Amino acid sequence: MDSTLWLIVAVVLALVAASAASVLLVRVFRTRRMLLDAGVPLQSKALFWAAVIYTISPIDLVPDPVYLDDIGVLLVALRMLHAAAARSGADLEKQPAESKSTSTDGTARVPPSQ
């Protein structure tokens, strides 16, 4: 294989990695509201922030020109955060209506007097 073909392969792989990283960046920004949600466990939030710090840090499992380890760590953290948010949302839906302290519009509900 000549050097032109290797250059084309390297550019294509770099574009694929850059597009995957940009998709992950968008997903990271969308998860901000989940991080503020009180129903999501602190462990899932901490795992997410640990993945972000790992991605930013210069210490990697695979050298920095290859971002596959960073992408993998962020994907695992995002999946776990989404799963924890889905579980907390399902737990909130299972509670009886009388035990919920807020209505659907976010205002505080007053229990009916008896």
Protein backbone atom coordinates (compact mmCIF):
# COMPACT_ATOMS: atom_id res chain seq x y z
CA MET A 1 0.00 0.00 0.00
CA ASP A 2 1.35 3.37 -0.85
CA SER A 3 1.47 6.33 1.46
CA THR A 4 -1.51 8.08 -0.17
CA LEU A 5 -3.84 5.23 0.75
CA TRP A 6 -2.58 5.24 4.36
CA LEU A 7 -3.14 8.98 4.51
CA ILE A 8 -6.72 8.58 3.25
CA VAL A 9 -7.40 5.83 5.81
CA ALA A 10 -5.97 7.97 8.61
CA VAL A 11 -8.09 10.97 7.60
CA VAL A 12 -11.25 8.86 7.41
CA LEU A 13 -10.58 7.36 10.85
CA ALA A 14 -9.91 10.81 12.29
CA LEU A 15 -13.18 12.11 10.84
CA VAL A 16 -15.10 9.15 12.27
CA ALA A 17 -13.56 9.72 15.70
CA ALA A 18 -14.26 13.46 15.52
CA SER A 19 -17.89 12.90 14.54
CA ALA A 20 -18.37 10.38 17.36
CA ALA A 21 -16.81 12.83 19.80
CA SER A 22 -19.09 15.65 18.61
CA VAL A 23 -22.18 13.45 19.04
CA LEU A 24 -21.04 12.60 22.55
CA LEU A 25 -20.44 16.27 23.32
CA VAL A 26 -24.03 17.06 22.38
CA ARG A 27 -25.27 14.19 24.57
CA VAL A 28 -23.15 15.44 27.46
CA PHE A 29 -24.74 18.89 27.26
CA ARG A 30 -28.20 17.32 27.15
CA THR A 31 -27.55 15.40 30.36
CA ARG A 32 -27.17 18.57 32.43
CA ARG A 33 -30.80 18.47 33.50
CA MET A 34 -30.39 14.85 34.66
CA LEU A 35 -27.47 15.89 36.81
CA LEU A 36 -29.68 18.46 38.51
CA ASP A 37 -32.52 15.98 39.07
CA ALA A 38 -32.76 15.01 42.73
CA GLY A 39 -34.06 11.52 41.90
CA VAL A 40 -30.86 10.42 40.15
CA PRO A 41 -28.45 8.73 42.57
CA LEU A 42 -25.26 10.56 43.50
CA GLN A 43 -23.20 7.52 42.44
CA SER A 44 -24.37 7.87 38.82
CA LYS A 45 -23.68 11.60 38.82
CA ALA A 46 -20.19 11.03 40.25
CA LEU A 47 -19.46 8.35 37.64
CA PHE A 48 -20.46 10.77 34.90
CA TRP A 49 -18.18 13.51 36.22
CA ALA A 50 -15.34 11.00 36.61
CA ALA A 51 -15.74 10.08 32.94
CA VAL A 52 -15.63 13.75 31.93
CA ILE A 53 -12.45 14.26 33.98
CA TYR A 54 -10.91 11.14 32.43
CA THR A 55 -11.70 12.47 28.97
CA ILE A 56 -10.09 15.83 29.71
CA SER A 57 -7.06 14.48 31.57
CA PRO A 58 -3.82 13.84 29.70
CA ILE A 59 -3.46 10.36 31.26
CA ASP A 60 -5.15 7.74 29.05
CA LEU A 61 -5.20 4.00 28.55
CA VAL A 62 -4.59 4.54 24.84
CA PRO A 63 -2.34 7.40 23.64
CA ASP A 64 -4.14 10.66 22.91
CA PRO A 65 -4.26 10.72 19.10
CA VAL A 66 -6.68 7.77 19.41
CA TYR A 67 -9.76 8.83 21.36
CA LEU A 68 -11.47 5.44 21.43
CA ASP A 69 -10.91 4.94 25.16
CA ASP A 70 -12.29 8.41 25.92
CA ILE A 71 -15.33 7.80 23.76
CA GLY A 72 -15.91 4.41 25.37
CA VAL A 73 -15.69 5.76 28.91
CA LEU A 74 -18.11 8.59 28.11
CA LEU A 75 -20.54 6.21 26.43
CA VAL A 76 -20.59 3.88 29.44
CA ALA A 77 -21.09 6.80 31.83
CA LEU A 78 -23.89 8.29 29.71
CA ARG A 79 -25.67 4.93 29.49
CA MET A 80 -25.46 4.42 33.23
CA LEU A 81 -26.71 7.96 33.90
CA HIS A 82 -29.63 7.51 31.51
CA ALA A 83 -30.48 4.15 33.09
CA ALA A 84 -30.39 5.67 36.58
CA ALA A 85 -32.61 8.55 35.46
CA ALA A 86 -35.07 6.13 33.87
CA ARG A 87 -35.16 4.05 37.07
CA SER A 88 -35.74 7.12 39.23
CA GLY A 89 -38.48 8.30 36.89
CA ALA A 90 -40.13 4.88 37.03
CA ASP A 91 -39.88 4.90 40.83
CA LEU A 92 -41.60 8.29 40.96
CA GLU A 93 -44.41 7.06 38.71
CA LYS A 94 -45.03 4.02 40.94
CA GLN A 95 -45.77 6.19 43.99
CA PRO A 96 -49.47 6.75 44.71
CA ALA A 97 -50.87 10.14 43.76
CA GLU A 98 -51.47 11.16 47.38
CA SER A 99 -47.81 10.79 48.30
CA LYS A 100 -46.55 13.09 45.55
CA SER A 101 -45.90 16.55 46.91
CA THR A 102 -45.96 18.41 43.60
CA SER A 103 -48.41 18.50 40.73
CA THR A 104 -47.54 18.01 37.10
CA ASP A 105 -46.92 21.73 36.60
CA GLY A 106 -44.35 21.80 39.43
CA THR A 107 -46.42 23.69 41.99
CA ALA A 108 -46.82 22.35 45.50
CA ARG A 109 -50.01 20.41 46.10
CA VAL A 110 -51.97 20.63 49.31
CA PRO A 111 -53.44 17.29 50.41
CA PRO A 112 -57.23 17.29 50.57
CA SER A 113 -58.69 17.91 54.01
CA GLN A 114 -60.81 15.20 55.50
